[in-house]
């Protein structure tokens, strides 16, 4: 009971701003502000793995991964609304995908959910005419989230790459 009264009195003195001379000053070198603490049994942490899609580019219960058939590093396109081509494994549960194009400042240019219709294991995801065209001379990072179920999940496969739109005049020169 006596200790409780002393603690209550100390709390009241501190709250009132009246510090007795017997309390040590915080900056006093005899009373360090912190102490190193080495918990027992510490050591290197166990090996860890990154978060996100932990099973590669696979949907649950799929043996084969989803693969991009697009250049990963600076592909080119002459189309103002390009098509992203994806290879799906046989019996893939993917029925829709989220296609996103971001500019070099990582600002979303276009993001749209599209149905996935695969012919012979190949899905073609094209930006519809209702979306804004890609600007000539600009590079865009594209990404596709392949939705394995009814809604987007953290473990759904994500494919990414870069495309730069070139002028159609250049395409005419290349074919000549």
N, C-alpha and C. Protein backbone atom coordinates (compact mmCIF):
# COMPACT_ATOMS: atom_id res chain seq x y z
N UNK A 1 0.83 -1.19 0.00
CA UNK A 1 0.00 0.00 0.00
C UNK A 1 0.87 1.25 0.00
N UNK A 2 2.00 1.17 0.74
CA UNK A 2 2.90 2.30 0.82
C UNK A 2 3.51 2.61 -0.55
N UNK A 3 3.87 1.53 -1.30
CA UNK A 3 4.45 1.72 -2.63
C UNK A 3 3.43 2.36 -3.57
N UNK A 4 2.19 1.96 -3.46
CA UNK A 4 1.14 2.51 -4.29
C UNK A 4 0.98 4.01 -4.04
N UNK A 5 1.05 4.42 -2.78
CA UNK A 5 0.96 5.84 -2.43
C UNK A 5 2.14 6.62 -2.98
N UNK A 6 3.35 6.03 -2.90
CA UNK A 6 4.55 6.70 -3.44
C UNK A 6 4.44 6.87 -4.96
N UNK A 7 3.93 5.84 -5.64
CA UNK A 7 3.76 5.93 -7.08
C UNK A 7 2.73 6.98 -7.45
N UNK A 8 1.63 7.03 -6.69
CA UNK A 8 0.60 8.03 -6.95
C UNK A 8 1.13 9.43 -6.70
N UNK A 9 1.91 9.60 -5.66
CA UNK A 9 2.48 10.92 -5.36
C UNK A 9 3.46 11.34 -6.45
N UNK A 10 4.28 10.39 -6.92
CA UNK A 10 5.24 10.70 -7.99
C UNK A 10 4.50 11.09 -9.27
N UNK A 11 3.42 10.40 -9.58
CA UNK A 11 2.64 10.72 -10.77
C UNK A 11 2.04 12.10 -10.67
N UNK A 12 1.54 12.48 -9.47
CA UNK A 12 0.97 13.81 -9.28
C UNK A 12 2.04 14.89 -9.39
N UNK A 13 3.24 14.62 -8.86
CA UNK A 13 4.32 15.60 -8.96
C UNK A 13 4.74 15.80 -10.41
N UNK A 14 4.82 14.70 -11.15
CA UNK A 14 5.21 14.81 -12.55
C UNK A 14 4.14 15.57 -13.32
N UNK A 15 2.87 15.24 -13.09
CA UNK A 15 1.79 15.91 -13.79
C UNK A 15 1.74 17.40 -13.47
N UNK A 16 2.07 17.75 -12.25
CA UNK A 16 2.03 19.15 -11.83
C UNK A 16 3.29 19.89 -12.24
N UNK A 17 4.31 19.17 -12.72
CA UNK A 17 5.55 19.82 -13.13
C UNK A 17 6.50 20.05 -11.99
N UNK A 18 6.24 19.53 -10.80
CA UNK A 18 7.13 19.67 -9.65
C UNK A 18 7.99 18.42 -9.53
N UNK A 19 9.20 18.49 -10.03
CA UNK A 19 10.08 17.33 -9.98
C UNK A 19 10.99 17.47 -8.77
N UNK A 20 11.00 16.50 -7.89
CA UNK A 20 11.89 16.59 -6.73
C UNK A 20 13.35 16.45 -7.17
N UNK A 21 14.23 17.03 -6.43
CA UNK A 21 15.65 17.02 -6.74
C UNK A 21 16.24 15.62 -6.67
N UNK A 22 15.56 14.69 -6.04
CA UNK A 22 16.11 13.34 -5.92
C UNK A 22 15.92 12.49 -7.18
N UNK A 23 15.05 12.92 -8.13
CA UNK A 23 14.87 12.17 -9.37
C UNK A 23 16.07 12.44 -10.29
N UNK A 24 16.62 11.39 -10.93
CA UNK A 24 17.77 11.62 -11.80
C UNK A 24 17.34 12.36 -13.07
N UNK A 25 18.23 13.18 -13.58
CA UNK A 25 17.97 13.87 -14.84
C UNK A 25 18.12 12.87 -15.97
N UNK A 26 17.31 12.99 -16.98
CA UNK A 26 17.34 12.03 -18.08
C UNK A 26 18.67 12.10 -18.82
N UNK A 27 19.26 13.27 -18.97
CA UNK A 27 20.50 13.42 -19.70
C UNK A 27 21.73 13.03 -18.86
N UNK A 28 21.55 12.63 -17.63
CA UNK A 28 22.65 12.25 -16.75
C UNK A 28 23.35 11.01 -17.32
N UNK A 29 24.67 11.06 -17.55
CA UNK A 29 25.37 9.91 -18.13
C UNK A 29 25.32 8.66 -17.26
N UNK A 30 25.02 8.81 -15.97
CA UNK A 30 24.90 7.63 -15.11
C UNK A 30 23.66 6.81 -15.45
N UNK A 31 22.68 7.44 -16.06
CA UNK A 31 21.42 6.78 -16.38
C UNK A 31 21.21 6.83 -17.90
N UNK A 32 21.72 5.83 -18.62
CA UNK A 32 21.60 5.88 -20.08
C UNK A 32 20.13 5.87 -20.52
N UNK A 33 19.88 6.53 -21.63
CA UNK A 33 18.53 6.67 -22.14
C UNK A 33 18.02 5.33 -22.69
N UNK A 34 18.91 4.52 -23.25
CA UNK A 34 18.51 3.23 -23.78
C UNK A 34 19.51 2.17 -23.38
N UNK A 35 19.09 0.96 -23.50
CA UNK A 35 19.97 -0.18 -23.25
C UNK A 35 19.84 -1.13 -24.42
N UNK A 36 20.96 -1.75 -24.78
CA UNK A 36 20.90 -2.78 -25.81
C UNK A 36 20.28 -4.02 -25.20
N UNK A 37 19.39 -4.64 -25.93
CA UNK A 37 18.72 -5.83 -25.44
C UNK A 37 18.90 -6.94 -26.46
N UNK A 38 19.48 -8.03 -26.05
CA UNK A 38 19.68 -9.18 -26.92
C UNK A 38 18.79 -10.29 -26.39
N UNK A 39 17.62 -10.49 -27.03
CA UNK A 39 16.70 -11.50 -26.51
C UNK A 39 17.31 -12.89 -26.61
N UNK A 40 16.99 -13.74 -25.66
CA UNK A 40 17.54 -15.09 -25.69
C UNK A 40 17.06 -15.85 -26.92
N UNK A 41 17.96 -16.65 -27.47
CA UNK A 41 17.60 -17.46 -28.62
C UNK A 41 17.56 -16.68 -29.91
N UNK A 42 18.06 -15.41 -29.88
CA UNK A 42 18.02 -14.64 -31.12
C UNK A 42 19.15 -15.11 -32.03
N UNK A 43 19.06 -14.75 -33.22
CA UNK A 43 20.03 -15.12 -34.24
C UNK A 43 19.45 -14.71 -35.57
N UNK A 44 19.98 -15.26 -36.60
CA UNK A 44 19.47 -14.92 -37.92
C UNK A 44 18.03 -15.42 -38.06
N UNK A 45 17.18 -14.61 -38.69
CA UNK A 45 15.80 -15.06 -38.90
C UNK A 45 15.77 -16.20 -39.90
N UNK A 46 14.70 -16.97 -39.90
CA UNK A 46 14.60 -18.04 -40.90
C UNK A 46 14.51 -17.42 -42.30
N UNK A 47 14.85 -18.21 -43.31
CA UNK A 47 14.78 -17.72 -44.68
C UNK A 47 13.33 -17.33 -45.00
N UNK A 48 13.18 -16.18 -45.63
CA UNK A 48 11.84 -15.71 -45.96
C UNK A 48 11.68 -15.63 -47.47
N UNK A 49 10.46 -15.49 -47.91
CA UNK A 49 10.14 -15.39 -49.32
C UNK A 49 9.25 -14.17 -49.53
N UNK A 50 9.30 -13.60 -50.72
CA UNK A 50 8.49 -12.43 -51.05
C UNK A 50 7.01 -12.75 -51.04
N UNK A 51 6.22 -11.71 -50.89
CA UNK A 51 4.77 -11.89 -50.90
C UNK A 51 4.25 -11.90 -52.32
N UNK A 52 2.96 -12.00 -52.48
CA UNK A 52 2.36 -11.97 -53.81
C UNK A 52 2.09 -13.36 -54.31
N UNK A 53 2.17 -13.50 -55.60
CA UNK A 53 1.88 -14.78 -56.23
C UNK A 53 2.98 -15.77 -55.90
N UNK A 54 2.70 -16.72 -55.04
CA UNK A 54 3.72 -17.63 -54.54
C UNK A 54 3.89 -18.87 -55.38
N UNK A 55 3.03 -19.08 -56.35
CA UNK A 55 3.12 -20.30 -57.14
C UNK A 55 3.43 -19.94 -58.60
N UNK A 56 4.38 -19.04 -58.79
CA UNK A 56 4.72 -18.65 -60.14
C UNK A 56 3.55 -17.97 -60.82
N UNK A 57 3.37 -18.26 -62.07
CA UNK A 57 2.29 -17.64 -62.83
C UNK A 57 1.18 -18.66 -63.08
N UNK A 58 0.79 -19.36 -62.03
CA UNK A 58 -0.21 -20.41 -62.15
C UNK A 58 -1.48 -20.04 -61.40
N UNK A 59 -2.59 -20.51 -61.94
CA UNK A 59 -3.84 -20.46 -61.19
C UNK A 59 -3.83 -21.64 -60.22
N UNK A 60 -4.61 -21.58 -59.14
CA UNK A 60 -4.68 -22.73 -58.23
C UNK A 60 -5.06 -24.00 -59.00
N UNK A 61 -4.46 -25.09 -58.64
CA UNK A 61 -4.71 -26.41 -59.23
C UNK A 61 -4.31 -26.50 -60.70
N UNK A 62 -3.46 -25.61 -61.17
CA UNK A 62 -2.95 -25.67 -62.55
C UNK A 62 -1.49 -26.07 -62.50
N UNK A 63 -1.08 -26.96 -63.36
CA UNK A 63 0.32 -27.36 -63.40
C UNK A 63 1.15 -26.43 -64.27
N UNK A 64 0.57 -25.98 -65.38
CA UNK A 64 1.29 -25.13 -66.32
C UNK A 64 1.05 -23.65 -66.00
N UNK A 65 2.07 -22.82 -66.19
CA UNK A 65 1.89 -21.38 -65.95
C UNK A 65 1.21 -20.68 -67.11
N UNK A 66 0.67 -19.51 -66.82
CA UNK A 66 0.19 -18.58 -67.83
C UNK A 66 1.44 -17.85 -68.33
N UNK A 67 1.56 -17.65 -69.65
CA UNK A 67 2.77 -17.02 -70.19
C UNK A 67 2.40 -15.87 -71.13
N UNK A 68 3.23 -14.86 -71.12
CA UNK A 68 3.07 -13.77 -72.06
C UNK A 68 3.77 -14.15 -73.36
N UNK A 69 3.17 -13.79 -74.48
CA UNK A 69 3.80 -13.96 -75.77
C UNK A 69 4.24 -12.60 -76.33
N UNK A 70 4.37 -11.64 -75.41
CA UNK A 70 4.75 -10.27 -75.76
C UNK A 70 6.20 -10.03 -75.34
N UNK A 71 6.87 -9.08 -76.02
CA UNK A 71 8.21 -8.69 -75.55
C UNK A 71 8.10 -8.09 -74.15
N UNK A 72 9.03 -8.42 -73.30
CA UNK A 72 8.99 -7.91 -71.93
C UNK A 72 9.65 -6.54 -71.86
N UNK A 73 10.72 -6.36 -72.63
CA UNK A 73 11.51 -5.14 -72.54
C UNK A 73 11.40 -4.32 -73.82
N UNK A 74 10.58 -3.32 -73.81
CA UNK A 74 10.43 -2.36 -74.90
C UNK A 74 10.07 -2.97 -76.26
N UNK A 75 8.93 -3.63 -76.29
CA UNK A 75 8.38 -4.04 -77.56
C UNK A 75 7.87 -2.81 -78.29
N UNK A 76 7.55 -2.95 -79.56
CA UNK A 76 7.03 -1.82 -80.30
C UNK A 76 5.67 -2.18 -80.88
N UNK A 77 4.87 -1.15 -81.11
CA UNK A 77 3.56 -1.32 -81.74
C UNK A 77 3.30 -0.12 -82.63
N UNK A 78 2.56 -0.35 -83.70
CA UNK A 78 2.11 0.74 -84.55
C UNK A 78 0.63 1.02 -84.29
N UNK A 79 0.02 0.20 -83.46
CA UNK A 79 -1.41 0.30 -83.18
C UNK A 79 -1.68 1.32 -82.07
N UNK A 80 -2.75 2.08 -82.23
CA UNK A 80 -3.12 3.03 -81.17
C UNK A 80 -3.81 2.33 -80.01
N UNK A 81 -4.33 1.14 -80.26
CA UNK A 81 -4.95 0.31 -79.22
C UNK A 81 -4.45 -1.12 -79.41
N UNK A 82 -3.27 -1.40 -78.87
CA UNK A 82 -2.62 -2.69 -79.15
C UNK A 82 -3.29 -3.88 -78.49
N UNK A 83 -2.88 -5.05 -78.98
CA UNK A 83 -3.36 -6.32 -78.46
C UNK A 83 -2.23 -6.97 -77.67
N UNK A 84 -2.55 -7.45 -76.48
CA UNK A 84 -1.60 -8.21 -75.65
C UNK A 84 -1.98 -9.68 -75.81
N UNK A 85 -0.97 -10.50 -76.12
CA UNK A 85 -1.21 -11.91 -76.42
C UNK A 85 -0.65 -12.77 -75.29
N UNK A 86 -1.50 -13.68 -74.79
CA UNK A 86 -1.18 -14.52 -73.63
C UNK A 86 -1.40 -15.98 -74.00
N UNK A 87 -0.49 -16.85 -73.55
CA UNK A 87 -0.65 -18.30 -73.72
C UNK A 87 -1.22 -18.87 -72.43
N UNK A 88 -2.33 -19.56 -72.55
CA UNK A 88 -2.99 -20.17 -71.39
C UNK A 88 -2.81 -21.68 -71.43
N UNK A 89 -2.63 -22.30 -70.26
CA UNK A 89 -2.55 -23.76 -70.25
C UNK A 89 -3.91 -24.39 -70.58
N UNK A 90 -3.86 -25.63 -70.98
CA UNK A 90 -5.09 -26.36 -71.28
C UNK A 90 -6.00 -26.38 -70.05
N UNK A 91 -7.27 -26.24 -70.24
CA UNK A 91 -8.28 -26.24 -69.16
C UNK A 91 -8.06 -25.12 -68.15
N UNK A 92 -7.60 -23.99 -68.60
CA UNK A 92 -7.38 -22.84 -67.71
C UNK A 92 -8.73 -22.32 -67.20
N UNK A 93 -8.80 -21.97 -65.90
CA UNK A 93 -10.05 -21.43 -65.36
C UNK A 93 -10.23 -19.94 -65.66
N UNK A 94 -9.25 -19.30 -66.28
CA UNK A 94 -9.31 -17.85 -66.53
C UNK A 94 -10.40 -17.54 -67.54
N UNK A 95 -11.33 -16.67 -67.13
CA UNK A 95 -12.42 -16.25 -68.01
C UNK A 95 -12.43 -14.74 -68.23
N UNK A 96 -11.66 -14.03 -67.39
CA UNK A 96 -11.55 -12.58 -67.55
C UNK A 96 -10.18 -12.11 -67.06
N UNK A 97 -9.80 -10.91 -67.50
CA UNK A 97 -8.49 -10.36 -67.14
C UNK A 97 -8.61 -8.85 -67.00
N UNK A 98 -7.72 -8.27 -66.20
CA UNK A 98 -7.65 -6.81 -66.07
C UNK A 98 -6.41 -6.37 -66.83
N UNK A 99 -6.61 -5.59 -67.88
CA UNK A 99 -5.53 -5.08 -68.71
C UNK A 99 -5.29 -3.62 -68.34
N UNK A 100 -4.04 -3.29 -68.02
CA UNK A 100 -3.69 -1.94 -67.60
C UNK A 100 -2.51 -1.45 -68.42
N UNK A 101 -2.57 -0.22 -68.86
CA UNK A 101 -1.44 0.46 -69.49
C UNK A 101 -1.11 1.67 -68.63
N UNK A 102 0.18 1.78 -68.24
CA UNK A 102 0.67 2.93 -67.45
C UNK A 102 1.74 3.64 -68.25
N UNK A 103 1.79 4.97 -68.11
CA UNK A 103 2.84 5.71 -68.80
C UNK A 103 4.15 5.60 -68.01
N UNK A 104 5.18 6.26 -68.49
CA UNK A 104 6.50 6.14 -67.85
C UNK A 104 6.55 6.79 -66.48
N UNK A 105 5.57 7.61 -66.15
CA UNK A 105 5.47 8.21 -64.81
C UNK A 105 4.57 7.36 -63.90
N UNK A 106 4.22 6.15 -64.37
CA UNK A 106 3.39 5.20 -63.63
C UNK A 106 1.94 5.66 -63.45
N UNK A 107 1.51 6.62 -64.26
CA UNK A 107 0.11 7.06 -64.23
C UNK A 107 -0.71 6.11 -65.11
N UNK A 108 -1.88 5.71 -64.61
CA UNK A 108 -2.71 4.80 -65.39
C UNK A 108 -3.26 5.53 -66.60
N UNK A 109 -2.99 4.98 -67.77
CA UNK A 109 -3.53 5.51 -69.03
C UNK A 109 -4.87 4.84 -69.31
N UNK A 110 -4.91 3.51 -69.18
CA UNK A 110 -6.12 2.74 -69.41
C UNK A 110 -6.12 1.53 -68.48
N UNK A 111 -7.27 1.23 -67.92
CA UNK A 111 -7.44 0.00 -67.13
C UNK A 111 -8.84 -0.52 -67.42
N UNK A 112 -8.89 -1.78 -67.87
CA UNK A 112 -10.18 -2.32 -68.29
C UNK A 112 -10.21 -3.83 -68.01
N UNK A 113 -11.39 -4.32 -67.62
CA UNK A 113 -11.60 -5.76 -67.45
C UNK A 113 -12.17 -6.28 -68.76
N UNK A 114 -11.52 -7.33 -69.27
CA UNK A 114 -11.91 -7.90 -70.56
C UNK A 114 -12.21 -9.38 -70.41
N UNK A 115 -13.12 -9.90 -71.23
CA UNK A 115 -13.33 -11.35 -71.24
C UNK A 115 -12.12 -12.03 -71.88
N UNK A 116 -11.80 -13.23 -71.42
CA UNK A 116 -10.70 -14.00 -71.98
C UNK A 116 -11.28 -15.15 -72.77
N UNK A 117 -11.06 -15.10 -74.07
CA UNK A 117 -11.50 -16.17 -74.96
C UNK A 117 -10.24 -16.72 -75.61
N UNK A 118 -9.91 -17.94 -75.26
CA UNK A 118 -8.68 -18.55 -75.78
C UNK A 118 -9.02 -19.47 -76.93
N UNK A 119 -8.27 -19.32 -78.03
CA UNK A 119 -8.38 -20.23 -79.17
C UNK A 119 -7.06 -20.96 -79.27
N UNK A 120 -7.13 -22.28 -79.12
CA UNK A 120 -5.95 -23.13 -79.13
C UNK A 120 -4.92 -22.67 -78.10
N UNK A 121 -5.39 -22.24 -76.93
CA UNK A 121 -4.52 -21.85 -75.83
C UNK A 121 -3.97 -20.44 -75.93
N UNK A 122 -4.40 -19.65 -76.91
CA UNK A 122 -3.92 -18.28 -77.07
C UNK A 122 -5.07 -17.31 -76.85
N UNK A 123 -4.85 -16.35 -75.94
CA UNK A 123 -5.84 -15.30 -75.66
C UNK A 123 -5.30 -13.98 -76.18
N UNK A 124 -6.13 -13.24 -76.88
CA UNK A 124 -5.76 -11.93 -77.41
C UNK A 124 -6.59 -10.88 -76.69
N UNK A 125 -5.92 -10.01 -75.94
CA UNK A 125 -6.61 -8.96 -75.18
C UNK A 125 -6.34 -7.63 -75.86
N UNK A 126 -7.34 -7.08 -76.53
CA UNK A 126 -7.17 -5.83 -77.27
C UNK A 126 -7.91 -4.71 -76.58
N UNK A 127 -7.25 -3.55 -76.54
CA UNK A 127 -7.93 -2.37 -76.02
C UNK A 127 -9.08 -2.02 -76.96
N UNK A 128 -10.29 -1.86 -76.44
CA UNK A 128 -11.43 -1.53 -77.31
C UNK A 128 -11.37 -0.07 -77.79
N UNK A 129 -12.16 0.21 -78.81
CA UNK A 129 -12.21 1.56 -79.39
C UNK A 129 -12.70 2.60 -78.39
N UNK A 130 -13.36 2.17 -77.33
CA UNK A 130 -13.87 3.11 -76.32
C UNK A 130 -12.77 3.63 -75.39
N UNK A 131 -11.57 3.06 -75.46
CA UNK A 131 -10.47 3.51 -74.61
C UNK A 131 -9.61 4.53 -75.35
N UNK A 132 -8.91 5.40 -74.62
CA UNK A 132 -8.07 6.40 -75.30
C UNK A 132 -6.89 5.72 -76.00
N UNK A 133 -6.50 6.26 -77.15
CA UNK A 133 -5.38 5.67 -77.88
C UNK A 133 -4.05 5.95 -77.17
N UNK A 134 -3.07 5.07 -77.41
CA UNK A 134 -1.72 5.31 -76.91
C UNK A 134 -1.10 6.43 -77.72
N UNK A 135 -0.32 7.28 -77.09
CA UNK A 135 0.32 8.40 -77.77
C UNK A 135 1.53 7.93 -78.56
N UNK A 136 1.71 8.46 -79.74
CA UNK A 136 2.85 8.12 -80.59
C UNK A 136 4.14 8.58 -79.90
N UNK A 137 5.15 7.70 -79.92
CA UNK A 137 6.45 8.03 -79.35
C UNK A 137 6.56 7.79 -77.85
N UNK A 138 5.49 7.43 -77.21
CA UNK A 138 5.53 7.21 -75.76
C UNK A 138 5.60 5.73 -75.46
N UNK A 139 6.26 5.41 -74.35
CA UNK A 139 6.36 4.03 -73.88
C UNK A 139 5.34 3.81 -72.77
N UNK A 140 4.81 2.61 -72.72
CA UNK A 140 3.80 2.25 -71.72
C UNK A 140 4.16 0.90 -71.12
N UNK A 141 3.97 0.79 -69.82
CA UNK A 141 4.12 -0.52 -69.16
C UNK A 141 2.73 -1.14 -69.13
N UNK A 142 2.62 -2.30 -69.74
CA UNK A 142 1.34 -2.99 -69.71
C UNK A 142 1.40 -4.07 -68.63
N UNK A 143 0.26 -4.37 -68.06
CA UNK A 143 0.16 -5.49 -67.11
C UNK A 143 -1.21 -6.14 -67.30
N UNK A 144 -1.21 -7.44 -67.09
CA UNK A 144 -2.45 -8.21 -67.19
C UNK A 144 -2.57 -9.06 -65.94
N UNK A 145 -3.67 -8.90 -65.23
CA UNK A 145 -4.00 -9.78 -64.11
C UNK A 145 -4.98 -10.81 -64.66
N UNK A 146 -4.54 -12.06 -64.67
CA UNK A 146 -5.40 -13.15 -65.15
C UNK A 146 -6.26 -13.61 -63.98
N UNK A 147 -7.55 -13.37 -64.02
CA UNK A 147 -8.45 -13.66 -62.90
C UNK A 147 -8.81 -15.14 -62.94
N UNK A 148 -8.35 -15.88 -61.94
CA UNK A 148 -8.53 -17.33 -61.90
C UNK A 148 -9.91 -17.75 -61.37
N UNK A 149 -10.57 -16.89 -60.64
CA UNK A 149 -11.90 -17.21 -60.09
C UNK A 149 -12.91 -16.18 -60.52
N UNK A 150 -13.82 -15.87 -59.59
CA UNK A 150 -14.87 -14.88 -59.89
C UNK A 150 -14.39 -13.45 -59.71
N UNK A 151 -13.40 -13.25 -58.81
CA UNK A 151 -12.89 -11.91 -58.52
C UNK A 151 -11.36 -11.95 -58.48
N UNK A 152 -10.74 -10.78 -58.56
CA UNK A 152 -9.28 -10.69 -58.48
C UNK A 152 -8.82 -11.12 -57.08
N UNK A 153 -7.78 -11.97 -57.06
CA UNK A 153 -7.21 -12.45 -55.80
C UNK A 153 -5.71 -12.15 -55.80
N UNK A 154 -5.09 -12.04 -54.62
CA UNK A 154 -3.66 -11.73 -54.55
C UNK A 154 -2.76 -12.75 -55.27
N UNK A 155 -3.18 -13.99 -55.36
CA UNK A 155 -2.35 -15.02 -55.99
C UNK A 155 -2.62 -15.18 -57.49
N UNK A 156 -3.48 -14.37 -58.08
CA UNK A 156 -3.73 -14.46 -59.51
C UNK A 156 -2.46 -14.08 -60.27
N UNK A 157 -2.19 -14.75 -61.38
CA UNK A 157 -0.99 -14.44 -62.17
C UNK A 157 -1.03 -13.02 -62.72
N UNK A 158 0.12 -12.37 -62.69
CA UNK A 158 0.27 -11.02 -63.24
C UNK A 158 1.42 -11.05 -64.24
N UNK A 159 1.16 -10.60 -65.44
CA UNK A 159 2.16 -10.55 -66.49
C UNK A 159 2.40 -9.09 -66.84
N UNK A 160 3.65 -8.71 -67.11
CA UNK A 160 3.95 -7.31 -67.43
C UNK A 160 4.98 -7.22 -68.55
N UNK A 161 5.05 -6.06 -69.14
CA UNK A 161 6.04 -5.77 -70.17
C UNK A 161 5.92 -4.31 -70.59
N UNK A 162 6.73 -3.93 -71.57
CA UNK A 162 6.74 -2.56 -72.07
C UNK A 162 6.44 -2.53 -73.55
N UNK A 163 5.69 -1.54 -73.99
CA UNK A 163 5.42 -1.29 -75.41
C UNK A 163 5.62 0.19 -75.69
N UNK A 164 6.18 0.47 -76.84
CA UNK A 164 6.28 1.86 -77.29
C UNK A 164 5.56 1.97 -78.62
N UNK A 165 4.71 2.98 -78.70
CA UNK A 165 3.97 3.18 -79.96
C UNK A 165 4.82 4.03 -80.89
N UNK A 166 5.00 3.52 -82.10
CA UNK A 166 5.73 4.24 -83.13
C UNK A 166 4.75 4.76 -84.18
N UNK A 167 5.14 5.78 -84.93
CA UNK A 167 4.23 6.32 -85.95
C UNK A 167 4.01 5.33 -87.09
N UNK A 168 2.83 5.37 -87.68
CA UNK A 168 2.50 4.46 -88.78
C UNK A 168 3.36 4.75 -90.01
N UNK A 169 3.87 5.96 -90.17
CA UNK A 169 4.76 6.30 -91.28
C UNK A 169 5.99 5.40 -91.25
N UNK A 170 6.48 5.13 -90.06
CA UNK A 170 7.65 4.27 -89.91
C UNK A 170 7.30 2.85 -90.35
N UNK A 171 6.08 2.41 -90.08
CA UNK A 171 5.65 1.08 -90.49
C UNK A 171 5.63 0.98 -92.00
N UNK A 172 5.19 2.04 -92.69
CA UNK A 172 5.16 2.03 -94.14
C UNK A 172 6.57 1.97 -94.71
N UNK A 173 7.53 2.68 -94.10
CA UNK A 173 8.92 2.63 -94.56
C UNK A 173 9.53 1.26 -94.37
N UNK A 174 9.18 0.58 -93.27
CA UNK A 174 9.74 -0.74 -92.99
C UNK A 174 9.25 -1.77 -94.00
N UNK A 175 8.01 -1.63 -94.46
CA UNK A 175 7.47 -2.62 -95.38
C UNK A 175 7.91 -2.37 -96.82
N UNK A 176 8.44 -1.19 -97.11
CA UNK A 176 8.86 -0.87 -98.48
C UNK A 176 10.22 -1.45 -98.82
